[in-house]
Structures are given as C-alpha cells and as structure tokens.
PDB file of N, CA and C in Angstrom:
ATOM      1  N   MET A   1     -95.010  13.224  -0.353  1.00  0.00           N
ATOM      2  CA  MET A   1     -93.832  12.759  -0.172  1.00  0.00           C
ATOM      3  C   MET A   1     -93.551  11.075   0.287  1.00  0.00           C
ATOM      4  N   ARG A   2     -92.762  10.412  -0.645  1.00  0.00           N
ATOM      5  CA  ARG A   2     -92.574   9.158  -0.500  1.00  0.00           C
ATOM      6  C   ARG A   2     -91.697   8.833   1.038  1.00  0.00           C
ATOM      7  N   ARG A   3     -91.951   7.472   1.729  1.00  0.00           N
ATOM      8  CA  ARG A   3     -91.347   7.415   2.906  1.00  0.00           C
ATOM      9  C   ARG A   3     -90.330   6.336   2.385  1.00  0.00           C
ATOM     10  N   LEU A   4     -89.286   6.281   2.684  1.00  0.00           N
ATOM     11  CA  LEU A   4     -87.895   5.478   2.527  1.00  0.00           C
ATOM     12  C   LEU A   4     -88.217   4.333   3.251  1.00  0.00           C
ATOM     13  N   THR A   5     -87.559   3.114   2.378  1.00  0.00           N
ATOM     14  CA  THR A   5     -87.753   1.770   3.052  1.00  0.00           C
ATOM     15  C   THR A   5     -86.590   1.531   3.988  1.00  0.00           C
ATOM     16  N   ASP A   6     -86.467   0.511   4.755  1.00  0.00           N
ATOM     17  CA  ASP A   6     -85.828   0.138   5.807  1.00  0.00           C
ATOM     18  C   ASP A   6     -84.497   0.426   5.210  1.00  0.00           C
ATOM     19  N   GLY A   7     -84.303  -0.398   3.968  1.00  0.00           N
ATOM     20  CA  GLY A   7     -82.865  -0.785   3.080  1.00  0.00           C
ATOM     21  C   GLY A   7     -82.257   0.777   2.919  1.00  0.00           C
ATOM     22  N   GLU A   8     -83.201   1.614   2.279  1.00  0.00           N
ATOM     23  CA  GLU A   8     -82.839   2.867   2.011  1.00  0.00           C
ATOM     24  C   GLU A   8     -82.457   3.752   2.984  1.00  0.00           C
ATOM     25  N   ILE A   9     -83.001   3.646   4.231  1.00  0.00           N
ATOM     26  CA  ILE A   9     -82.619   4.609   5.269  1.00  0.00           C
ATOM     27  C   ILE A   9     -81.321   4.178   5.806  1.00  0.00           C
ATOM     28  N   GLN A  10     -81.103   2.928   6.054  1.00  0.00           N
ATOM     29  CA  GLN A  10     -79.681   2.041   6.308  1.00  0.00           C
ATOM     30  C   GLN A  10     -78.897   2.493   5.552  1.00  0.00           C
ATOM     31  N   GLN A  11     -78.953   2.753   4.011  1.00  0.00           N
ATOM     32  CA  GLN A  11     -78.083   3.099   3.211  1.00  0.00           C
ATOM     33  C   GLN A  11     -77.518   4.253   3.557  1.00  0.00           C
ATOM     34  N   GLU A  12     -78.658   5.277   3.838  1.00  0.00           N
ATOM     35  CA  GLU A  12     -78.324   6.697   3.922  1.00  0.00           C
ATOM     36  C   GLU A  12     -77.537   6.848   5.111  1.00  0.00           C
ATOM     37  N   LEU A  13     -77.977   6.279   6.037  1.00  0.00           N
ATOM     38  CA  LEU A  13     -77.047   6.146   7.384  1.00  0.00           C
ATOM     39  C   LEU A  13     -75.538   5.832   7.387  1.00  0.00           C
ATOM     40  N   THR A  14     -75.234   4.986   6.331  1.00  0.00           N
ATOM     41  CA  THR A  14     -73.834   4.597   6.017  1.00  0.00           C
ATOM     42  C   THR A  14     -73.212   5.981   5.587  1.00  0.00           C
ATOM     43  N   GLU A  15     -73.714   7.253   5.223  1.00  0.00           N
ATOM     44  CA  GLU A  15     -72.897   8.351   4.987  1.00  0.00           C
ATOM     45  C   GLU A  15     -73.012   9.410   6.063  1.00  0.00           C
ATOM     46  N   LEU A  16     -74.233   9.327   7.083  1.00  0.00           N
ATOM     47  CA  LEU A  16     -74.316  10.187   8.045  1.00  0.00           C
ATOM     48  C   LEU A  16     -73.809  10.004   9.288  1.00  0.00           C
ATOM     49  N   THR A  17     -72.612  10.377   9.613  1.00  0.00           N
ATOM     50  CA  THR A  17     -71.629  10.107  10.571  1.00  0.00           C
ATOM     51  C   THR A  17     -72.490  10.252  11.817  1.00  0.00           C
ATOM     52  N   GLY A  18     -72.559   9.630  12.979  1.00  0.00           N
ATOM     53  CA  GLY A  18     -72.856   9.421  14.362  1.00  0.00           C
ATOM     54  C   GLY A  18     -74.751   9.680  14.256  1.00  0.00           C
ATOM     55  N   TRP A  19     -75.346   9.617  13.066  1.00  0.00           N
ATOM     56  CA  TRP A  19     -76.662   9.406  13.160  1.00  0.00           C
ATOM     57  C   TRP A  19     -77.123   7.908  13.187  1.00  0.00           C
ATOM     58  N   THR A  20     -78.242   7.642  13.863  1.00  0.00           N
ATOM     59  CA  THR A  20     -79.085   6.323  13.985  1.00  0.00           C
ATOM     60  C   THR A  20     -80.534   6.411  13.314  1.00  0.00           C
ATOM     61  N   GLY A  21     -81.103   5.129  13.124  1.00  0.00           N
ATOM     62  CA  GLY A  21     -82.608   5.231  13.071  1.00  0.00           C
ATOM     63  C   GLY A  21     -83.009   4.205  12.192  1.00  0.00           C
ATOM     64  N   ASP A  22     -84.229   4.577  12.004  1.00  0.00           N
ATOM     65  CA  ASP A  22     -85.094   3.594  11.091  1.00  0.00           C
ATOM     66  C   ASP A  22     -86.596   4.446  10.674  1.00  0.00           C
ATOM     67  N   ALA A  23     -87.364   3.563  10.222  1.00  0.00           N
ATOM     68  CA  ALA A  23     -88.379   4.141   9.709  1.00  0.00           C
ATOM     69  C   ALA A  23     -89.330   5.119  10.623  1.00  0.00           C
ATOM     70  N   ARG A  24     -88.802   5.120  12.051  1.00  0.00           N
ATOM     71  CA  ARG A  24     -89.553   5.927  12.799  1.00  0.00           C
ATOM     72  C   ARG A  24     -88.938   7.665  12.941  1.00  0.00           C
ATOM     73  N   GLY A  25     -87.623   7.416  12.542  1.00  0.00           N
ATOM     74  CA  GLY A  25     -86.780   8.706  12.666  1.00  0.00           C
ATOM     75  C   GLY A  25     -85.108   8.624  12.804  1.00  0.00           C
ATOM     76  N   LEU A  26     -84.685   9.570  12.388  1.00  0.00           N
ATOM     77  CA  LEU A  26     -83.008   9.740  12.301  1.00  0.00           C
ATOM     78  C   LEU A  26     -82.717  10.290  13.642  1.00  0.00           C
ATOM     79  N   VAL A  27     -81.826  10.129  13.964  1.00  0.00           N
ATOM     80  CA  VAL A  27     -81.432  10.692  15.335  1.00  0.00           C
ATOM     81  C   VAL A  27     -79.886  10.601  15.664  1.00  0.00           C
ATOM     82  N   ARG A  28     -79.566  11.945  16.113  1.00  0.00           N
ATOM     83  CA  ARG A  28     -78.043  12.135  16.163  1.00  0.00           C
ATOM     84  C   ARG A  28     -77.826  12.993  17.530  1.00  0.00           C
ATOM     85  N   PRO A  29     -77.091  12.411  18.234  1.00  0.00           N
ATOM     86  CA  PRO A  29     -76.809  13.058  19.790  1.00  0.00           C
ATOM     87  C   PRO A  29     -75.430  13.725  19.470  1.00  0.00           C
ATOM     88  N   TYR A  30     -75.325  14.763  19.989  1.00  0.00           N
ATOM     89  CA  TYR A  30     -74.319  15.765  20.089  1.00  0.00           C
ATOM     90  C   TYR A  30     -73.835  16.102  21.834  1.00  0.00           C
ATOM     91  N   THR A  31     -72.687  16.267  22.078  1.00  0.00           N
ATOM     92  CA  THR A  31     -72.206  16.609  23.170  1.00  0.00           C
ATOM     93  C   THR A  31     -71.120  17.843  23.031  1.00  0.00           C
ATOM     94  N   TRP A  32     -71.515  18.998  23.783  1.00  0.00           N
ATOM     95  CA  TRP A  32     -70.518  20.012  23.516  1.00  0.00           C
ATOM     96  C   TRP A  32     -69.934  20.200  24.813  1.00  0.00           C
ATOM     97  N   ARG A  33     -68.885  21.123  24.604  1.00  0.00           N
ATOM     98  CA  ARG A  33     -68.033  21.504  26.120  1.00  0.00           C
ATOM     99  C   ARG A  33     -68.833  22.051  27.054  1.00  0.00           C
ATOM    100  N   SER A  34     -69.544  22.980  26.707  1.00  0.00           N
ATOM    101  CA  SER A  34     -70.360  23.963  27.642  1.00  0.00           C
ATOM    102  C   SER A  34     -71.975  24.225  27.358  1.00  0.00           C
ATOM    103  N   PHE A  35     -72.764  24.599  27.936  1.00  0.00           N
ATOM    104  CA  PHE A  35     -74.407  25.063  27.734  1.00  0.00           C
ATOM    105  C   PHE A  35     -73.947  25.832  26.518  1.00  0.00           C
ATOM    106  N   ALA A  36     -73.425  27.196  26.830  1.00  0.00           N
ATOM    107  CA  ALA A  36     -73.640  27.910  25.581  1.00  0.00           C
ATOM    108  C   ALA A  36     -73.136  27.198  24.286  1.00  0.00           C
ATOM    109  N   GLU A  37     -71.967  26.522  24.143  1.00  0.00           N
ATOM    110  CA  GLU A  37     -71.973  25.871  22.797  1.00  0.00           C
ATOM    111  C   GLU A  37     -72.748  24.988  22.528  1.00  0.00           C
ATOM    112  N   ALA A  38     -73.635  24.476  23.310  1.00  0.00           N
ATOM    113  CA  ALA A  38     -74.832  23.699  22.914  1.00  0.00           C
ATOM    114  C   ALA A  38     -75.910  24.465  22.370  1.00  0.00           C
ATOM    115  N   ILE A  39     -76.103  25.498  22.975  1.00  0.00           N
ATOM    116  CA  ILE A  39     -77.166  26.668  22.393  1.00  0.00           C
ATOM    117  C   ILE A  39     -76.574  27.072  21.577  1.00  0.00           C
ATOM    118  N   ALA A  40     -75.502  27.513  21.194  1.00  0.00           N
ATOM    119  CA  ALA A  40     -74.759  27.884  19.979  1.00  0.00           C
ATOM    120  C   ALA A  40     -75.367  26.877  18.619  1.00  0.00           C
ATOM    121  N   PHE A  41     -74.916  25.527  18.672  1.00  0.00           N
ATOM    122  CA  PHE A  41     -75.476  24.605  18.019  1.00  0.00           C
ATOM    123  C   PHE A  41     -77.006  24.475  17.801  1.00  0.00           C
ATOM    124  N   VAL A  42     -77.756  24.862  18.669  1.00  0.00           N
ATOM    125  CA  VAL A  42     -78.875  24.453  18.639  1.00  0.00           C
ATOM    126  C   VAL A  42     -79.500  25.647  17.794  1.00  0.00           C
ATOM    127  N   ASN A  43     -78.803  26.951  17.989  1.00  0.00           N
ATOM    128  CA  ASN A  43     -79.241  28.218  16.810  1.00  0.00           C
ATOM    129  C   ASN A  43     -78.893  28.068  15.470  1.00  0.00           C
ATOM    130  N   GLU A  44     -77.751  27.213  15.142  1.00  0.00           N
ATOM    131  CA  GLU A  44     -77.369  26.788  14.006  1.00  0.00           C
ATOM    132  C   GLU A  44     -78.377  25.761  13.388  1.00  0.00           C
ATOM    133  N   VAL A  45     -78.809  24.850  13.893  1.00  0.00           N
ATOM    134  CA  VAL A  45     -79.868  23.831  13.768  1.00  0.00           C
ATOM    135  C   VAL A  45     -81.040  24.685  13.341  1.00  0.00           C
ATOM    136  N   ALA A  46     -81.509  25.645  14.139  1.00  0.00           N
ATOM    137  CA  ALA A  46     -82.656  26.351  13.855  1.00  0.00           C
ATOM    138  C   ALA A  46     -82.544  26.924  12.432  1.00  0.00           C
ATOM    139  N   ALA A  47     -81.449  27.544  12.127  1.00  0.00           N
ATOM    140  CA  ALA A  47     -81.337  28.368  11.163  1.00  0.00           C
ATOM    141  C   ALA A  47     -81.382  27.474   9.513  1.00  0.00           C
ATOM    142  N   VAL A  48     -80.902  26.327   9.774  1.00  0.00           N
ATOM    143  CA  VAL A  48     -80.957  25.013   8.974  1.00  0.00           C
ATOM    144  C   VAL A  48     -82.410  24.813   8.714  1.00  0.00           C
ATOM    145  N   ALA A  49     -83.257  24.442   9.854  1.00  0.00           N
ATOM    146  CA  ALA A  49     -84.558  24.079   9.793  1.00  0.00           C
ATOM    147  C   ALA A  49     -85.480  25.282   8.943  1.00  0.00           C
ATOM    148  N   GLU A  50     -85.290  26.452   9.482  1.00  0.00           N
ATOM    149  CA  GLU A  50     -85.856  27.714   8.436  1.00  0.00           C
ATOM    150  C   GLU A  50     -85.913  27.404   7.321  1.00  0.00           C
ATOM    151  N   ALA A  51     -84.346  27.534   7.223  1.00  0.00           N
ATOM    152  CA  ALA A  51     -84.210  27.509   5.507  1.00  0.00           C
ATOM    153  C   ALA A  51     -84.508  26.396   4.759  1.00  0.00           C
ATOM    154  N   ALA A  52     -84.975  24.886   5.472  1.00  0.00           N
ATOM    155  CA  ALA A  52     -85.520  23.966   4.606  1.00  0.00           C
ATOM    156  C   ALA A  52     -86.887  23.991   5.056  1.00  0.00           C
ATOM    157  N   GLN A  53     -87.470  24.689   5.703  1.00  0.00           N
ATOM    158  CA  GLN A  53     -88.819  24.699   6.137  1.00  0.00           C
ATOM    159  C   GLN A  53     -89.126  23.146   6.691  1.00  0.00           C
ATOM    160  N   HIS A  54     -88.293  22.735   7.558  1.00  0.00           N
ATOM    161  CA  HIS A  54     -88.653  21.422   7.858  1.00  0.00           C
ATOM    162  C   HIS A  54     -87.591  21.501   9.251  1.00  0.00           C
ATOM    163  N   HIS A  55     -88.404  21.249  10.406  1.00  0.00           N
ATOM    164  CA  HIS A  55     -88.159  21.345  11.599  1.00  0.00           C
ATOM    165  C   HIS A  55     -87.965  19.960  12.616  1.00  0.00           C
ATOM    166  N   PRO A  56     -86.785  19.965  12.956  1.00  0.00           N
ATOM    167  CA  PRO A  56     -86.567  18.675  13.809  1.00  0.00           C
ATOM    168  C   PRO A  56     -86.978  18.841  15.201  1.00  0.00           C
ATOM    169  N   ASP A  57     -87.082  17.603  15.994  1.00  0.00           N
ATOM    170  CA  ASP A  57     -87.371  17.528  17.179  1.00  0.00           C
ATOM    171  C   ASP A  57     -85.767  17.762  18.041  1.00  0.00           C
ATOM    172  N   ILE A  58     -85.951  18.677  18.801  1.00  0.00           N
ATOM    173  CA  ILE A  58     -84.275  19.094  19.517  1.00  0.00           C
ATOM    174  C   ILE A  58     -84.539  18.889  20.994  1.00  0.00           C
ATOM    175  N   ASP A  59     -83.744  17.822  21.634  1.00  0.00           N
ATOM    176  CA  ASP A  59     -83.769  17.693  23.107  1.00  0.00           C
ATOM    177  C   ASP A  59     -82.340  18.347  23.538  1.00  0.00           C
ATOM    178  N   ILE A  60     -82.502  19.273  24.662  1.00  0.00           N
ATOM    179  CA  ILE A  60     -81.512  19.638  25.173  1.00  0.00           C
ATOM    180  C   ILE A  60     -81.012  19.345  26.849  1.00  0.00           C
ATOM    181  N   ARG A  61     -79.950  18.960  27.372  1.00  0.00           N
ATOM    182  CA  ARG A  61     -80.142  18.386  28.209  1.00  0.00           C
ATOM    183  C   ARG A  61     -78.603  19.180  28.890  1.00  0.00           C
ATOM    184  N   TYR A  62     -78.403  20.025  29.134  1.00  0.00           N
ATOM    185  CA  TYR A  62     -76.986  20.961  29.643  1.00  0.00           C
ATOM    186  C   TYR A  62     -76.352  20.993  28.367  1.00  0.00           C
ATOM    187  N   ARG A  63     -75.240  20.105  28.213  1.00  0.00           N
ATOM    188  CA  ARG A  63     -74.239  20.006  27.049  1.00  0.00           C
ATOM    189  C   ARG A  63     -74.701  19.038  26.132  1.00  0.00           C
ATOM    190  N   ALA A  64     -75.517  18.318  26.211  1.00  0.00           N
ATOM    191  CA  ALA A  64     -76.042  17.084  25.160  1.00  0.00           C
ATOM    192  C   ALA A  64     -77.107  17.607  24.655  1.00  0.00           C
ATOM    193  N   VAL A  65     -77.537  17.740  23.168  1.00  0.00           N
ATOM    194  CA  VAL A  65     -78.457  18.031  22.283  1.00  0.00           C
ATOM    195  C   VAL A  65     -78.561  16.686  21.373  1.00  0.00           C
ATOM    196  N   THR A  66     -79.965  16.196  21.228  1.00  0.00           N
ATOM    197  CA  THR A  66     -80.386  15.177  20.698  1.00  0.00           C
ATOM    198  C   THR A  66     -81.125  15.871  19.566  1.00  0.00           C
ATOM    199  N   VAL A  67     -80.729  15.681  18.178  1.00  0.00           N
ATOM    200  CA  VAL A  67     -81.468  16.086  17.115  1.00  0.00           C
ATOM    201  C   VAL A  67     -82.422  14.807  16.866  1.00  0.00           C
ATOM    202  N   ARG A  68     -84.013  15.125  16.292  1.00  0.00           N
ATOM    203  CA  ARG A  68     -84.401  13.761  15.931  1.00  0.00           C
ATOM    204  C   ARG A  68     -85.146  14.383  14.319  1.00  0.00           C
ATOM    205  N   LEU A  69     -85.238  13.556  13.281  1.00  0.00           N
ATOM    206  CA  LEU A  69     -85.937  13.909  12.213  1.00  0.00           C
ATOM    207  C   LEU A  69     -86.821  13.171  11.638  1.00  0.00           C
ATOM    208  N   VAL A  70     -87.799  13.554  11.359  1.00  0.00           N
ATOM    209  CA  VAL A  70     -89.106  12.562  10.992  1.00  0.00           C
ATOM    210  C   VAL A  70     -90.176  13.566  10.309  1.00  0.00           C
ATOM    211  N   THR A  71     -90.592  12.965   9.078  1.00  0.00           N
ATOM    212  CA  THR A  71     -91.320  13.533   8.093  1.00  0.00           C
ATOM    213  C   THR A  71     -92.933  13.410   8.785  1.00  0.00           C
ATOM    214  N   HIS A  72     -93.366  14.107   9.749  1.00  0.00           N
ATOM    215  CA  HIS A  72     -94.813  13.408   9.971  1.00  0.00           C
ATOM    216  C   HIS A  72     -95.996  13.422   9.337  1.00  0.00           C
ATOM    217  N   ASP A  73     -95.828  14.182   8.291  1.00  0.00           N
ATOM    218  CA  ASP A  73     -97.019  14.232   7.360  1.00  0.00           C
ATOM    219  C   ASP A  73     -96.982  13.039   6.540  1.00  0.00           C
ATOM    220  N   ALA A  74     -95.671  12.507   6.382  1.00  0.00           N
ATOM    221  CA  ALA A  74     -95.543  11.367   5.435  1.00  0.00           C
ATOM    222  C   ALA A  74     -95.546   9.812   6.334  1.00  0.00           C
ATOM    223  N   GLY A  75     -95.518  10.010   7.476  1.00  0.00           N
ATOM    224  CA  GLY A  75     -95.616   8.847   8.309  1.00  0.00           C
ATOM    225  C   GLY A  75     -94.269   8.366   8.717  1.00  0.00           C
ATOM    226  N   GLY A  76     -93.055   8.877   8.352  1.00  0.00           N
ATOM    227  CA  GLY A  76     -91.890   8.179   8.404  1.00  0.00           C
ATOM    228  C   GLY A  76     -90.625   9.014   8.224  1.00  0.00           C
ATOM    229  N   VAL A  77     -89.744   8.447   7.576  1.00  0.00           N
ATOM    230  CA  VAL A  77     -88.281   9.137   7.262  1.00  0.00           C
ATOM    231  C   VAL A  77     -88.565   9.280   5.735  1.00  0.00           C
ATOM    232  N   THR A  78     -88.400  10.315   5.054  1.00  0.00           N
ATOM    233  CA  THR A  78     -88.141  10.710   3.760  1.00  0.00           C
ATOM    234  C   THR A  78     -86.908  11.348   3.300  1.00  0.00           C
ATOM    235  N   ASP A  79     -86.733  11.466   1.929  1.00  0.00           N
ATOM    236  CA  ASP A  79     -85.596  12.197   1.448  1.00  0.00           C
ATOM    237  C   ASP A  79     -85.375  13.527   2.194  1.00  0.00           C
ATOM    238  N   ARG A  80     -86.192  14.255   2.745  1.00  0.00           N
ATOM    239  CA  ARG A  80     -86.294  15.387   3.216  1.00  0.00           C
ATOM    240  C   ARG A  80     -85.573  15.414   4.546  1.00  0.00           C
ATOM    241  N   ASP A  81     -85.776  14.316   5.205  1.00  0.00           N
ATOM    242  CA  ASP A  81     -84.862  14.215   6.415  1.00  0.00           C
ATOM    243  C   ASP A  81     -83.908  14.165   6.435  1.00  0.00           C
ATOM    244  N   VAL A  82     -83.195  13.171   5.511  1.00  0.00           N
ATOM    245  CA  VAL A  82     -82.032  12.868   5.125  1.00  0.00           C
ATOM    246  C   VAL A  82     -81.334  14.159   4.535  1.00  0.00           C
ATOM    247  N   ALA A  83     -81.895  14.777   3.877  1.00  0.00           N
ATOM    248  CA  ALA A  83     -81.203  16.240   3.177  1.00  0.00           C
ATOM    249  C   ALA A  83     -80.955  16.990   4.402  1.00  0.00           C
ATOM    250  N   THR A  84     -81.835  17.507   5.596  1.00  0.00           N
ATOM    251  CA  THR A  84     -82.014  18.215   6.439  1.00  0.00           C
ATOM    252  C   THR A  84     -80.650  17.587   7.439  1.00  0.00           C
ATOM    253  N   ALA A  85     -80.766  16.206   7.670  1.00  0.00           N
ATOM    254  CA  ALA A  85     -79.368  16.095   8.330  1.00  0.00           C
ATOM    255  C   ALA A  85     -78.216  16.162   7.760  1.00  0.00           C
ATOM    256  N   ARG A  86     -78.174  15.664   6.746  1.00  0.00           N
ATOM    257  CA  ARG A  86     -77.134  16.695   5.971  1.00  0.00           C
ATOM    258  C   ARG A  86     -76.560  18.017   6.095  1.00  0.00           C
ATOM    259  N   ALA A  87     -77.652  18.904   5.935  1.00  0.00           N
ATOM    260  CA  ALA A  87     -77.217  20.197   6.419  1.00  0.00           C
ATOM    261  C   ALA A  87     -76.945  20.335   7.834  1.00  0.00           C
ATOM    262  N   ILE A  88     -77.475  19.891   8.594  1.00  0.00           N
ATOM    263  CA  ILE A  88     -77.158  20.086   9.841  1.00  0.00           C
ATOM    264  C   ILE A  88     -75.739  19.631  10.159  1.00  0.00           C
ATOM    265  N   GLU A  89     -75.359  18.559   9.739  1.00  0.00           N
ATOM    266  CA  GLU A  89     -73.770  17.895   9.898  1.00  0.00           C
ATOM    267  C   GLU A  89     -73.143  18.922   9.151  1.00  0.00           C
ATOM    268  N   ARG A  90     -73.351  19.638   8.127  1.00  0.00           N
ATOM    269  CA  ARG A  90     -72.656  21.000   7.624  1.00  0.00           C
ATOM    270  C   ARG A  90     -72.259  21.987   8.338  1.00  0.00           C
ATOM    271  N   ALA A  91     -73.645  22.142   9.192  1.00  0.00           N
ATOM    272  CA  ALA A  91     -73.625  23.467  10.209  1.00  0.00           C
ATOM    273  C   ALA A  91     -72.854  23.192  11.426  1.00  0.00           C
ATOM    274  N   ALA A  92     -72.765  22.101  11.709  1.00  0.00           N
ATOM    275  CA  ALA A  92     -72.134  21.424  12.838  1.00  0.00           C
ATOM    276  C   ALA A  92     -70.780  21.443  12.737  1.00  0.00           C
ATOM    277  N   GLU A  93     -69.819  21.206  11.344  1.00  0.00           N
ATOM    278  CA  GLU A  93     -68.725  21.113  11.299  1.00  0.00           C
ATOM    279  C   GLU A  93     -67.949  22.468  11.677  1.00  0.00           C
ATOM    280  N   GLY A  94     -68.584  23.303  11.662  1.00  0.00           N
ATOM    281  CA  GLY A  94     -67.970  24.753  12.039  1.00  0.00           C
ATOM    282  C   GLY A  94     -67.992  24.965  13.647  1.00  0.00           C
ATOM    283  N   LEU A  95     -68.371  24.075  14.166  1.00  0.00           N
ATOM    284  CA  LEU A  95     -68.520  23.986  15.751  1.00  0.00           C
ATOM    285  C   LEU A  95     -67.563  23.035  16.132  1.00  0.00           C
ATOM    286  N   THR A  96     -66.847  22.822  17.326  1.00  0.00           N
ATOM    287  CA  THR A  96     -66.196  22.147  18.138  1.00  0.00           C
ATOM    288  C   THR A  96     -67.093  21.502  19.078  1.00  0.00           C
ATOM    289  N   ASP A  97     -67.313  20.243  18.916  1.00  0.00           N
ATOM    290  CA  ASP A  97     -68.140  19.332  19.967  1.00  0.00           C
ATOM    291  C   ASP A  97     -66.865  18.727  20.943  1.00  0.00           C
ATOM    292  N   ALA A  98     -67.303  18.271  22.206  1.00  0.00           N
ATOM    293  CA  ALA A  98     -66.676  17.699  23.110  1.00  0.00           C
ATOM    294  C   ALA A  98     -65.964  16.222  22.504  1.00  0.00           C
TER     295      ALA A  98
END
C-alpha cells in the first residue's frame, strides 16, 4: 500500500472536518456530553474498524475520545486511513457531541 505524500494528506484533510495530521497519522479529538456517550461513540468506531479491517488507536479520557489512524505496515498514512476517517465521521453524525 502506497503512503500518501504530505501534499496529498493536507488535501485530504481539507475534506475531513476536525481532523489534523501529517505523515505520522491522522488525528481527530471528540468531546461528548457524558462518559456513556463517549463509549457509545467508541463502539461505533469499533464497528467501522471491524468492517474495514483497519483499526485505529483510540484514547478515552472520560468524555474525550481521540482517534488516530496510520497504516503501520506502510509506515505512514495511506488511502485506507482516509477512507476509515470518512467512515468514522459518518458514524459520528448520528451521535451528538458536546
């Protein structure tokens, strides 16, 4: 799988609301109204990840959840990370963050 260039990553980030990143990974923080809502979101991310067979790093801090995507086998960000970020965004749309 081909790694995206810095320019390609920056171009993709223009279409991914709230995401930041570089060649080391794509990152998106979320804040939810409660711990239960944060965990519900994490469960949605888990379903997306399983379907894609591409699993993000997830950091949970009470109501704050940070998702990080990188294709470790490729040594950087690939189209697979971008596609998974888009799928996570679609999953989050049905939930209400703080």
